[in-house]
Amino acid sequence: MWKCFLKTFLKFCCKMSSRNSQRTEPGAQEERTHKEELNEKIKEQKILVDELSNLKKNRRVYTQQPNSNIFFLADKKETLSSCKKDLDIMRKEYQDI
């Protein structure tokens, strides 16, 4: 539930602070767009990891099933570790660009 809320909140914030893009070649523009999108996802993932790591021990964590609005109770430690792995993968991909 937090993940869904955080993603929605972050998308709203990113839209509000979006910059005007400069006109460049089409290939360079696509690469820049991909890099910006990846940067936004990294920011979202960082916030998600911070929120999960700062939860009290007795709090519950729910994960959303892909392509549905159904949430299931999940293990906090497993969710945190998978989010950290995803963040590491995103950072590596961002550095490769």
N, C-alpha and C. Protein backbone atom coordinates (compact mmCIF):
# COMPACT_ATOMS: atom_id res chain seq x y z
N MET A 1 0.81 -1.18 0.00
CA MET A 1 0.00 0.00 0.00
C MET A 1 0.87 1.25 0.00
N TRP A 2 1.93 1.24 0.82
CA TRP A 2 2.84 2.37 0.84
C TRP A 2 3.50 2.54 -0.52
N LYS A 3 3.85 1.41 -1.14
CA LYS A 3 4.53 1.47 -2.43
C LYS A 3 3.66 2.19 -3.45
N CYS A 4 2.39 1.84 -3.48
CA CYS A 4 1.46 2.46 -4.43
C CYS A 4 1.32 3.95 -4.11
N PHE A 5 1.14 4.29 -2.84
CA PHE A 5 1.00 5.67 -2.44
C PHE A 5 2.25 6.48 -2.76
N LEU A 6 3.42 5.91 -2.43
CA LEU A 6 4.68 6.61 -2.67
C LEU A 6 4.91 6.84 -4.15
N LYS A 7 4.63 5.84 -4.98
CA LYS A 7 4.83 6.00 -6.42
C LYS A 7 3.92 7.10 -6.96
N THR A 8 2.67 7.12 -6.52
CA THR A 8 1.73 8.14 -6.98
C THR A 8 2.20 9.52 -6.54
N PHE A 9 2.63 9.63 -5.29
CA PHE A 9 3.11 10.89 -4.77
C PHE A 9 4.34 11.37 -5.51
N LEU A 10 5.28 10.46 -5.76
CA LEU A 10 6.51 10.84 -6.45
C LEU A 10 6.25 11.25 -7.89
N LYS A 11 5.34 10.55 -8.56
CA LYS A 11 5.02 10.93 -9.94
C LYS A 11 4.42 12.33 -9.97
N PHE A 12 3.58 12.65 -8.98
CA PHE A 12 2.99 13.98 -8.91
C PHE A 12 4.07 15.02 -8.70
N CYS A 13 5.00 14.76 -7.77
CA CYS A 13 6.08 15.71 -7.49
C CYS A 13 6.98 15.90 -8.70
N CYS A 14 7.28 14.81 -9.39
CA CYS A 14 8.15 14.90 -10.56
C CYS A 14 7.49 15.69 -11.68
N LYS A 15 6.18 15.54 -11.83
CA LYS A 15 5.47 16.30 -12.86
C LYS A 15 5.48 17.78 -12.53
N MET A 16 5.35 18.10 -11.25
CA MET A 16 5.31 19.49 -10.83
C MET A 16 6.67 20.16 -11.03
N SER A 17 7.74 19.41 -10.90
CA SER A 17 9.07 20.00 -11.00
C SER A 17 9.76 19.67 -12.32
N SER A 18 8.98 19.27 -13.31
CA SER A 18 9.59 18.90 -14.59
C SER A 18 10.20 20.11 -15.27
N ARG A 19 11.32 19.87 -15.95
CA ARG A 19 12.03 20.94 -16.64
C ARG A 19 11.67 20.91 -18.12
N ASN A 20 11.85 22.03 -18.77
CA ASN A 20 11.68 22.09 -20.22
C ASN A 20 12.88 21.43 -20.87
N SER A 21 12.62 20.49 -21.74
CA SER A 21 13.74 19.80 -22.39
C SER A 21 14.22 20.60 -23.59
N GLN A 22 15.54 20.55 -23.83
CA GLN A 22 16.13 21.26 -24.94
C GLN A 22 15.99 20.39 -26.19
N ARG A 23 15.91 21.05 -27.34
CA ARG A 23 15.78 20.31 -28.59
C ARG A 23 17.14 19.82 -29.04
N THR A 24 17.22 18.49 -29.24
CA THR A 24 18.45 17.87 -29.71
C THR A 24 18.09 16.82 -30.74
N GLU A 25 19.06 16.04 -31.11
CA GLU A 25 18.81 14.97 -32.06
C GLU A 25 17.84 13.96 -31.46
N PRO A 26 17.03 13.27 -32.32
CA PRO A 26 16.04 12.32 -31.80
C PRO A 26 16.65 11.20 -30.95
N GLY A 27 17.77 10.64 -31.34
CA GLY A 27 18.41 9.56 -30.58
C GLY A 27 18.88 10.04 -29.23
N ALA A 28 19.46 11.23 -29.20
CA ALA A 28 19.95 11.80 -27.94
C ALA A 28 18.78 12.12 -27.02
N GLN A 29 17.67 12.58 -27.60
CA GLN A 29 16.49 12.90 -26.81
C GLN A 29 15.91 11.65 -26.16
N GLU A 30 15.85 10.55 -26.91
CA GLU A 30 15.34 9.29 -26.37
C GLU A 30 16.22 8.79 -25.24
N GLU A 31 17.54 8.91 -25.42
CA GLU A 31 18.47 8.47 -24.38
C GLU A 31 18.31 9.32 -23.13
N ARG A 32 18.16 10.62 -23.32
CA ARG A 32 17.97 11.52 -22.18
C ARG A 32 16.66 11.19 -21.46
N THR A 33 15.61 10.94 -22.22
CA THR A 33 14.32 10.60 -21.64
C THR A 33 14.43 9.31 -20.83
N HIS A 34 15.10 8.31 -21.39
CA HIS A 34 15.28 7.04 -20.68
C HIS A 34 16.08 7.26 -19.40
N LYS A 35 17.10 8.09 -19.49
CA LYS A 35 17.94 8.36 -18.32
C LYS A 35 17.14 9.10 -17.25
N GLU A 36 16.31 10.05 -17.65
CA GLU A 36 15.47 10.78 -16.70
C GLU A 36 14.45 9.87 -16.04
N GLU A 37 13.83 8.99 -16.83
CA GLU A 37 12.87 8.04 -16.27
C GLU A 37 13.54 7.11 -15.27
N LEU A 38 14.71 6.64 -15.61
CA LEU A 38 15.45 5.75 -14.72
C LEU A 38 15.83 6.50 -13.44
N ASN A 39 16.21 7.74 -13.57
CA ASN A 39 16.55 8.55 -12.40
C ASN A 39 15.33 8.72 -11.49
N GLU A 40 14.15 8.93 -12.06
CA GLU A 40 12.92 9.04 -11.28
C GLU A 40 12.63 7.74 -10.55
N LYS A 41 12.80 6.61 -11.23
CA LYS A 41 12.57 5.32 -10.60
C LYS A 41 13.54 5.07 -9.46
N ILE A 42 14.79 5.51 -9.64
CA ILE A 42 15.79 5.36 -8.57
C ILE A 42 15.38 6.19 -7.35
N LYS A 43 14.91 7.40 -7.58
CA LYS A 43 14.45 8.24 -6.47
C LYS A 43 13.28 7.58 -5.74
N GLU A 44 12.33 7.05 -6.50
CA GLU A 44 11.19 6.36 -5.90
C GLU A 44 11.65 5.18 -5.06
N GLN A 45 12.58 4.42 -5.61
CA GLN A 45 13.07 3.22 -4.93
C GLN A 45 13.82 3.59 -3.65
N LYS A 46 14.60 4.67 -3.68
CA LYS A 46 15.32 5.12 -2.49
C LYS A 46 14.34 5.46 -1.37
N ILE A 47 13.29 6.18 -1.71
CA ILE A 47 12.28 6.56 -0.72
C ILE A 47 11.58 5.32 -0.18
N LEU A 48 11.28 4.39 -1.05
CA LEU A 48 10.63 3.15 -0.63
C LEU A 48 11.51 2.37 0.35
N VAL A 49 12.79 2.25 0.05
CA VAL A 49 13.72 1.55 0.94
C VAL A 49 13.81 2.27 2.29
N ASP A 50 13.88 3.60 2.26
CA ASP A 50 13.94 4.36 3.51
C ASP A 50 12.68 4.16 4.34
N GLU A 51 11.53 4.21 3.70
CA GLU A 51 10.27 4.02 4.42
C GLU A 51 10.19 2.63 5.03
N LEU A 52 10.57 1.63 4.27
CA LEU A 52 10.51 0.26 4.79
C LEU A 52 11.49 0.04 5.93
N SER A 53 12.66 0.63 5.84
CA SER A 53 13.66 0.43 6.88
C SER A 53 13.32 1.20 8.16
N ASN A 54 12.48 2.23 8.06
CA ASN A 54 12.12 3.01 9.24
C ASN A 54 10.79 2.60 9.87
N LEU A 55 10.18 1.55 9.36
CA LEU A 55 8.92 1.09 9.93
C LEU A 55 9.15 0.46 11.30
N LYS A 56 8.16 0.60 12.17
CA LYS A 56 8.23 -0.06 13.47
C LYS A 56 8.10 -1.56 13.27
N LYS A 57 8.57 -2.31 14.25
CA LYS A 57 8.59 -3.77 14.12
C LYS A 57 7.20 -4.38 13.99
N ASN A 58 6.22 -3.77 14.61
CA ASN A 58 4.88 -4.36 14.59
C ASN A 58 4.03 -3.93 13.39
N ARG A 59 4.59 -3.16 12.48
CA ARG A 59 3.85 -2.71 11.29
C ARG A 59 3.79 -3.81 10.24
N ARG A 60 2.72 -3.80 9.49
CA ARG A 60 2.53 -4.79 8.42
C ARG A 60 2.86 -4.17 7.07
N VAL A 61 3.34 -5.02 6.17
CA VAL A 61 3.69 -4.58 4.82
C VAL A 61 2.86 -5.39 3.84
N TYR A 62 2.28 -4.72 2.88
CA TYR A 62 1.48 -5.38 1.85
C TYR A 62 2.12 -5.12 0.49
N THR A 63 2.08 -6.12 -0.36
CA THR A 63 2.57 -5.96 -1.73
C THR A 63 1.41 -6.10 -2.70
N GLN A 64 1.49 -5.34 -3.77
CA GLN A 64 0.44 -5.35 -4.77
C GLN A 64 0.76 -6.40 -5.83
N GLN A 65 -0.24 -7.15 -6.21
CA GLN A 65 -0.07 -8.13 -7.26
C GLN A 65 -0.02 -7.42 -8.61
N PRO A 66 0.85 -7.90 -9.50
CA PRO A 66 0.96 -7.25 -10.81
C PRO A 66 -0.37 -7.23 -11.57
N ASN A 67 -0.63 -6.12 -12.21
CA ASN A 67 -1.83 -5.94 -13.05
C ASN A 67 -3.14 -6.14 -12.29
N SER A 68 -3.16 -5.79 -11.01
CA SER A 68 -4.42 -5.88 -10.25
C SER A 68 -4.39 -4.88 -9.11
N ASN A 69 -5.52 -4.76 -8.46
CA ASN A 69 -5.63 -3.87 -7.30
C ASN A 69 -5.70 -4.68 -6.00
N ILE A 70 -5.15 -5.86 -6.02
CA ILE A 70 -5.18 -6.76 -4.86
C ILE A 70 -3.85 -6.69 -4.13
N PHE A 71 -3.92 -6.52 -2.81
CA PHE A 71 -2.72 -6.47 -1.97
C PHE A 71 -2.70 -7.68 -1.05
N PHE A 72 -1.49 -8.24 -0.85
CA PHE A 72 -1.32 -9.37 0.04
C PHE A 72 -0.29 -9.03 1.10
N LEU A 73 -0.48 -9.59 2.28
CA LEU A 73 0.46 -9.41 3.37
C LEU A 73 1.80 -10.02 2.98
N ALA A 74 2.88 -9.27 3.21
CA ALA A 74 4.21 -9.74 2.83
C ALA A 74 5.14 -9.62 4.03
N ASP A 75 6.24 -10.34 3.96
CA ASP A 75 7.26 -10.27 5.00
C ASP A 75 8.06 -8.98 4.82
N LYS A 76 8.21 -8.23 5.89
CA LYS A 76 8.89 -6.94 5.82
C LYS A 76 10.35 -7.09 5.41
N LYS A 77 11.04 -8.07 5.96
CA LYS A 77 12.47 -8.25 5.64
C LYS A 77 12.67 -8.65 4.19
N GLU A 78 11.84 -9.55 3.70
CA GLU A 78 11.94 -9.98 2.30
C GLU A 78 11.63 -8.82 1.35
N THR A 79 10.63 -8.04 1.69
CA THR A 79 10.26 -6.90 0.84
C THR A 79 11.38 -5.87 0.82
N LEU A 80 11.96 -5.61 1.97
CA LEU A 80 13.06 -4.65 2.04
C LEU A 80 14.27 -5.13 1.25
N SER A 81 14.60 -6.40 1.38
CA SER A 81 15.76 -6.92 0.65
C SER A 81 15.53 -6.90 -0.86
N SER A 82 14.31 -7.23 -1.31
CA SER A 82 14.04 -7.19 -2.75
C SER A 82 14.06 -5.76 -3.28
N CYS A 83 13.60 -4.81 -2.47
CA CYS A 83 13.65 -3.41 -2.89
C CYS A 83 15.08 -2.91 -2.97
N LYS A 84 15.93 -3.34 -2.05
CA LYS A 84 17.34 -2.96 -2.11
C LYS A 84 18.02 -3.54 -3.34
N LYS A 85 17.68 -4.79 -3.67
CA LYS A 85 18.25 -5.42 -4.86
C LYS A 85 17.82 -4.65 -6.11
N ASP A 86 16.54 -4.30 -6.18
CA ASP A 86 16.03 -3.53 -7.32
C ASP A 86 16.75 -2.19 -7.43
N LEU A 87 16.98 -1.54 -6.30
CA LEU A 87 17.68 -0.26 -6.31
C LEU A 87 19.11 -0.42 -6.82
N ASP A 88 19.79 -1.47 -6.39
CA ASP A 88 21.16 -1.72 -6.86
C ASP A 88 21.19 -1.96 -8.37
N ILE A 89 20.23 -2.72 -8.86
CA ILE A 89 20.15 -3.00 -10.30
C ILE A 89 19.92 -1.71 -11.08
N MET A 90 19.01 -0.86 -10.57
CA MET A 90 18.72 0.41 -11.25
C MET A 90 19.94 1.32 -11.26
N ARG A 91 20.64 1.38 -10.13
CA ARG A 91 21.84 2.22 -10.06
C ARG A 91 22.90 1.75 -11.04
N LYS A 92 23.06 0.43 -11.13
CA LYS A 92 24.06 -0.11 -12.06
C LYS A 92 23.69 0.22 -13.49
N GLU A 93 22.41 0.08 -13.82
CA GLU A 93 21.95 0.39 -15.18
C GLU A 93 22.13 1.88 -15.47
N TYR A 94 21.88 2.72 -14.48
CA TYR A 94 22.04 4.17 -14.67
C TYR A 94 23.49 4.54 -14.92
N GLN A 95 24.40 3.88 -14.22
CA GLN A 95 25.82 4.14 -14.41
C GLN A 95 26.30 3.67 -15.78
N ASP A 96 25.69 2.61 -16.30
CA ASP A 96 26.08 2.09 -17.60
C ASP A 96 25.65 3.00 -18.75
N ILE A 97 24.66 3.83 -18.51
CA ILE A 97 24.13 4.71 -19.57
C ILE A 97 25.09 5.82 -19.88
